[in-house]
Amino acid sequence: MGMGRDCGAVTGAFMALGFTIRHAASEKEARFEVYDLVKEFVRRFEAVHGTIVCRELLGVDLSTAEGRKRAVEDNLFHTRCPVMVRDAAQILEEMIG
């Protein structure tokens, strides 16, 4: 996502979790169910990686030109990011099957 905040793979997982709630009695109830799922996802992801923060996962700050340059030079988008996507997908699979 290029902001250095939450990992894009994690953010995508949050969106997917939002689509899993179909039978809530109200919008408010659905929202709270999603909050619980998101908390569980974060717990699992952090158990593997220690954080959901992109700049901490990659060791560079993508919100800066210097950080983006280093990410490209270190090939992080092809080495580290796919690991985050894979792990996020595996956690989602475990949670929503």
N, C-alpha and C. Protein backbone atom coordinates (compact mmCIF):
# COMPACT_ATOMS: atom_id res chain seq x y z
N MET A 1 0.82 -1.19 0.00
CA MET A 1 0.00 0.00 0.00
C MET A 1 0.86 1.25 0.00
N GLY A 2 2.14 1.07 0.31
CA GLY A 2 3.09 2.16 0.17
C GLY A 2 3.07 3.21 1.26
N MET A 3 2.40 2.96 2.35
CA MET A 3 2.33 3.96 3.41
C MET A 3 3.24 3.62 4.59
N GLY A 4 3.68 2.38 4.67
CA GLY A 4 4.53 1.98 5.79
C GLY A 4 3.75 1.62 7.04
N ARG A 5 2.44 1.69 6.96
CA ARG A 5 1.61 1.36 8.12
C ARG A 5 1.25 -0.12 8.06
N ASP A 6 -0.03 -0.45 8.13
CA ASP A 6 -0.41 -1.86 8.11
C ASP A 6 -0.03 -2.50 6.78
N CYS A 7 0.44 -3.73 6.87
CA CYS A 7 0.81 -4.52 5.70
C CYS A 7 -0.40 -4.66 4.77
N GLY A 8 -0.19 -4.52 3.49
CA GLY A 8 -1.26 -4.63 2.51
C GLY A 8 -1.92 -6.00 2.51
N ALA A 9 -1.14 -7.05 2.73
CA ALA A 9 -1.70 -8.41 2.79
C ALA A 9 -2.64 -8.53 3.98
N VAL A 10 -2.28 -7.91 5.08
CA VAL A 10 -3.13 -7.92 6.27
C VAL A 10 -4.40 -7.12 6.02
N THR A 11 -4.27 -5.97 5.40
CA THR A 11 -5.44 -5.15 5.10
C THR A 11 -6.40 -5.90 4.17
N GLY A 12 -5.85 -6.58 3.18
CA GLY A 12 -6.69 -7.39 2.30
C GLY A 12 -7.41 -8.49 3.05
N ALA A 13 -6.73 -9.09 4.02
CA ALA A 13 -7.35 -10.12 4.84
C ALA A 13 -8.50 -9.54 5.66
N PHE A 14 -8.32 -8.32 6.17
CA PHE A 14 -9.39 -7.67 6.91
C PHE A 14 -10.63 -7.52 6.03
N MET A 15 -10.41 -7.10 4.80
CA MET A 15 -11.54 -6.93 3.88
C MET A 15 -12.23 -8.27 3.62
N ALA A 16 -11.45 -9.31 3.40
CA ALA A 16 -12.03 -10.63 3.17
C ALA A 16 -12.83 -11.09 4.37
N LEU A 17 -12.33 -10.84 5.56
CA LEU A 17 -13.06 -11.22 6.76
C LEU A 17 -14.40 -10.50 6.84
N GLY A 18 -14.43 -9.26 6.38
CA GLY A 18 -15.68 -8.50 6.38
C GLY A 18 -16.75 -9.14 5.52
N PHE A 19 -16.34 -9.81 4.48
CA PHE A 19 -17.30 -10.46 3.59
C PHE A 19 -17.82 -11.79 4.13
N THR A 20 -17.24 -12.28 5.22
CA THR A 20 -17.67 -13.58 5.75
C THR A 20 -18.92 -13.49 6.60
N ILE A 21 -19.27 -12.32 7.06
CA ILE A 21 -20.44 -12.16 7.93
C ILE A 21 -21.67 -11.93 7.06
N ARG A 22 -22.55 -12.90 7.06
CA ARG A 22 -23.73 -12.84 6.19
C ARG A 22 -25.05 -12.92 6.95
N HIS A 23 -25.02 -13.39 8.18
CA HIS A 23 -26.28 -13.67 8.87
C HIS A 23 -26.44 -12.86 10.15
N ALA A 24 -25.82 -11.72 10.22
CA ALA A 24 -25.95 -10.88 11.41
C ALA A 24 -27.34 -10.23 11.41
N ALA A 25 -27.88 -10.05 12.61
CA ALA A 25 -29.21 -9.46 12.75
C ALA A 25 -29.22 -7.97 12.38
N SER A 26 -28.07 -7.32 12.54
CA SER A 26 -28.00 -5.89 12.25
C SER A 26 -26.60 -5.53 11.75
N GLU A 27 -26.50 -4.34 11.19
CA GLU A 27 -25.19 -3.86 10.73
C GLU A 27 -24.24 -3.74 11.91
N LYS A 28 -24.73 -3.29 13.03
CA LYS A 28 -23.90 -3.14 14.23
C LYS A 28 -23.39 -4.50 14.70
N GLU A 29 -24.25 -5.49 14.73
CA GLU A 29 -23.84 -6.84 15.13
C GLU A 29 -22.79 -7.39 14.16
N ALA A 30 -23.00 -7.17 12.88
CA ALA A 30 -22.03 -7.63 11.87
C ALA A 30 -20.68 -6.97 12.09
N ARG A 31 -20.70 -5.68 12.35
CA ARG A 31 -19.46 -4.94 12.56
C ARG A 31 -18.68 -5.52 13.74
N PHE A 32 -19.38 -5.80 14.84
CA PHE A 32 -18.70 -6.36 16.01
C PHE A 32 -18.18 -7.77 15.75
N GLU A 33 -18.89 -8.54 14.96
CA GLU A 33 -18.40 -9.87 14.59
C GLU A 33 -17.11 -9.76 13.78
N VAL A 34 -17.08 -8.80 12.86
CA VAL A 34 -15.87 -8.59 12.06
C VAL A 34 -14.72 -8.12 12.95
N TYR A 35 -15.00 -7.24 13.89
CA TYR A 35 -13.96 -6.79 14.81
C TYR A 35 -13.31 -7.98 15.52
N ASP A 36 -14.13 -8.92 15.96
CA ASP A 36 -13.60 -10.10 16.65
C ASP A 36 -12.74 -10.94 15.71
N LEU A 37 -13.18 -11.10 14.47
CA LEU A 37 -12.39 -11.86 13.49
C LEU A 37 -11.06 -11.16 13.21
N VAL A 38 -11.10 -9.85 13.07
CA VAL A 38 -9.88 -9.09 12.81
C VAL A 38 -8.90 -9.24 13.98
N LYS A 39 -9.40 -9.15 15.18
CA LYS A 39 -8.53 -9.32 16.35
C LYS A 39 -7.86 -10.69 16.34
N GLU A 40 -8.63 -11.72 16.00
CA GLU A 40 -8.07 -13.07 15.95
C GLU A 40 -7.03 -13.18 14.83
N PHE A 41 -7.34 -12.59 13.68
CA PHE A 41 -6.38 -12.62 12.57
C PHE A 41 -5.07 -11.95 13.00
N VAL A 42 -5.17 -10.78 13.60
CA VAL A 42 -3.98 -10.04 14.04
C VAL A 42 -3.19 -10.88 15.04
N ARG A 43 -3.88 -11.51 15.97
CA ARG A 43 -3.20 -12.35 16.96
C ARG A 43 -2.38 -13.44 16.27
N ARG A 44 -2.97 -14.09 15.28
CA ARG A 44 -2.29 -15.17 14.57
C ARG A 44 -1.14 -14.66 13.72
N PHE A 45 -1.36 -13.56 13.01
CA PHE A 45 -0.31 -13.01 12.16
C PHE A 45 0.86 -12.54 13.01
N GLU A 46 0.57 -11.86 14.09
CA GLU A 46 1.63 -11.38 14.97
C GLU A 46 2.36 -12.54 15.65
N ALA A 47 1.69 -13.65 15.86
CA ALA A 47 2.36 -14.82 16.44
C ALA A 47 3.46 -15.32 15.51
N VAL A 48 3.25 -15.14 14.21
CA VAL A 48 4.23 -15.58 13.22
C VAL A 48 5.28 -14.50 12.96
N HIS A 49 4.84 -13.26 12.80
CA HIS A 49 5.73 -12.18 12.33
C HIS A 49 6.03 -11.10 13.37
N GLY A 50 5.33 -11.12 14.50
CA GLY A 50 5.61 -10.15 15.55
C GLY A 50 4.92 -8.81 15.40
N THR A 51 4.38 -8.53 14.24
CA THR A 51 3.75 -7.24 13.97
C THR A 51 2.91 -7.33 12.70
N ILE A 52 2.04 -6.33 12.50
CA ILE A 52 1.34 -6.21 11.22
C ILE A 52 1.79 -4.93 10.49
N VAL A 53 2.75 -4.23 11.06
CA VAL A 53 3.21 -2.95 10.52
C VAL A 53 4.24 -3.20 9.41
N CYS A 54 3.94 -2.69 8.24
CA CYS A 54 4.78 -2.90 7.05
C CYS A 54 6.23 -2.51 7.28
N ARG A 55 6.48 -1.32 7.77
CA ARG A 55 7.87 -0.85 7.93
C ARG A 55 8.64 -1.73 8.90
N GLU A 56 7.94 -2.34 9.85
CA GLU A 56 8.61 -3.26 10.77
C GLU A 56 8.83 -4.62 10.12
N LEU A 57 7.88 -5.06 9.31
CA LEU A 57 8.01 -6.34 8.61
C LEU A 57 9.14 -6.30 7.59
N LEU A 58 9.23 -5.19 6.87
CA LEU A 58 10.23 -5.07 5.80
C LEU A 58 11.55 -4.46 6.25
N GLY A 59 11.51 -3.70 7.32
CA GLY A 59 12.72 -3.03 7.77
C GLY A 59 13.03 -1.76 7.00
N VAL A 60 12.06 -1.29 6.21
CA VAL A 60 12.18 -0.02 5.48
C VAL A 60 10.84 0.69 5.55
N ASP A 61 10.87 1.99 5.38
CA ASP A 61 9.66 2.80 5.41
C ASP A 61 9.26 3.16 3.98
N LEU A 62 8.22 2.50 3.48
CA LEU A 62 7.81 2.72 2.10
C LEU A 62 7.16 4.08 1.87
N SER A 63 6.91 4.83 2.93
CA SER A 63 6.34 6.17 2.74
C SER A 63 7.40 7.19 2.37
N THR A 64 8.68 6.76 2.35
CA THR A 64 9.76 7.67 1.96
C THR A 64 10.41 7.18 0.67
N ALA A 65 10.97 8.12 -0.08
CA ALA A 65 11.67 7.76 -1.31
C ALA A 65 12.86 6.85 -1.01
N GLU A 66 13.56 7.15 0.05
CA GLU A 66 14.72 6.33 0.44
C GLU A 66 14.29 4.91 0.78
N GLY A 67 13.19 4.78 1.51
CA GLY A 67 12.70 3.46 1.87
C GLY A 67 12.26 2.65 0.67
N ARG A 68 11.55 3.30 -0.27
CA ARG A 68 11.12 2.62 -1.49
C ARG A 68 12.32 2.18 -2.31
N LYS A 69 13.33 3.06 -2.40
CA LYS A 69 14.53 2.72 -3.16
C LYS A 69 15.22 1.51 -2.55
N ARG A 70 15.34 1.50 -1.24
CA ARG A 70 15.98 0.37 -0.57
C ARG A 70 15.18 -0.91 -0.74
N ALA A 71 13.85 -0.80 -0.69
CA ALA A 71 13.00 -1.98 -0.88
C ALA A 71 13.22 -2.59 -2.26
N VAL A 72 13.35 -1.73 -3.27
CA VAL A 72 13.61 -2.21 -4.63
C VAL A 72 15.00 -2.82 -4.70
N GLU A 73 15.99 -2.11 -4.18
CA GLU A 73 17.37 -2.61 -4.22
C GLU A 73 17.52 -3.95 -3.50
N ASP A 74 16.80 -4.11 -2.39
CA ASP A 74 16.89 -5.34 -1.61
C ASP A 74 15.89 -6.41 -2.07
N ASN A 75 15.15 -6.09 -3.14
CA ASN A 75 14.20 -7.02 -3.75
C ASN A 75 13.11 -7.48 -2.77
N LEU A 76 12.72 -6.60 -1.84
CA LEU A 76 11.77 -6.97 -0.80
C LEU A 76 10.38 -7.30 -1.35
N PHE A 77 9.99 -6.63 -2.43
CA PHE A 77 8.66 -6.88 -3.00
C PHE A 77 8.55 -8.28 -3.60
N HIS A 78 9.68 -8.90 -3.86
CA HIS A 78 9.69 -10.24 -4.45
C HIS A 78 10.15 -11.32 -3.47
N THR A 79 10.68 -10.88 -2.33
CA THR A 79 11.15 -11.86 -1.36
C THR A 79 10.31 -11.83 -0.08
N ARG A 80 10.19 -10.69 0.56
CA ARG A 80 9.47 -10.58 1.84
C ARG A 80 7.96 -10.47 1.65
N CYS A 81 7.51 -9.65 0.72
CA CYS A 81 6.07 -9.43 0.57
C CYS A 81 5.31 -10.72 0.22
N PRO A 82 5.81 -11.55 -0.67
CA PRO A 82 5.09 -12.80 -0.95
C PRO A 82 4.94 -13.69 0.29
N VAL A 83 5.88 -13.62 1.20
CA VAL A 83 5.78 -14.39 2.44
C VAL A 83 4.59 -13.88 3.25
N MET A 84 4.43 -12.56 3.31
CA MET A 84 3.33 -11.97 4.06
C MET A 84 1.98 -12.34 3.42
N VAL A 85 1.94 -12.30 2.09
CA VAL A 85 0.71 -12.67 1.38
C VAL A 85 0.37 -14.14 1.63
N ARG A 86 1.37 -14.99 1.53
CA ARG A 86 1.16 -16.42 1.76
C ARG A 86 0.65 -16.68 3.17
N ASP A 87 1.30 -16.07 4.15
CA ASP A 87 0.92 -16.31 5.54
C ASP A 87 -0.47 -15.75 5.84
N ALA A 88 -0.77 -14.58 5.29
CA ALA A 88 -2.11 -14.01 5.47
C ALA A 88 -3.16 -14.94 4.87
N ALA A 89 -2.89 -15.46 3.69
CA ALA A 89 -3.83 -16.37 3.03
C ALA A 89 -4.00 -17.66 3.83
N GLN A 90 -2.93 -18.18 4.37
CA GLN A 90 -3.01 -19.41 5.17
C GLN A 90 -3.85 -19.18 6.42
N ILE A 91 -3.65 -18.06 7.07
CA ILE A 91 -4.43 -17.74 8.27
C ILE A 91 -5.90 -17.60 7.91
N LEU A 92 -6.18 -16.89 6.82
CA LEU A 92 -7.58 -16.77 6.36
C LEU A 92 -8.19 -18.14 6.10
N GLU A 93 -7.44 -18.99 5.43
CA GLU A 93 -7.95 -20.33 5.14
C GLU A 93 -8.28 -21.08 6.43
N GLU A 94 -7.43 -20.97 7.43
CA GLU A 94 -7.68 -21.61 8.72
C GLU A 94 -8.93 -21.03 9.39
N MET A 95 -9.11 -19.74 9.25
CA MET A 95 -10.21 -19.07 9.95
C MET A 95 -11.56 -19.24 9.27
N ILE A 96 -11.56 -19.20 7.93
CA ILE A 96 -12.86 -19.21 7.24
C ILE A 96 -13.05 -20.43 6.36
N GLY A 97 -11.97 -21.22 6.22
CA GLY A 97 -12.02 -22.47 5.49
C GLY A 97 -12.60 -22.33 4.16
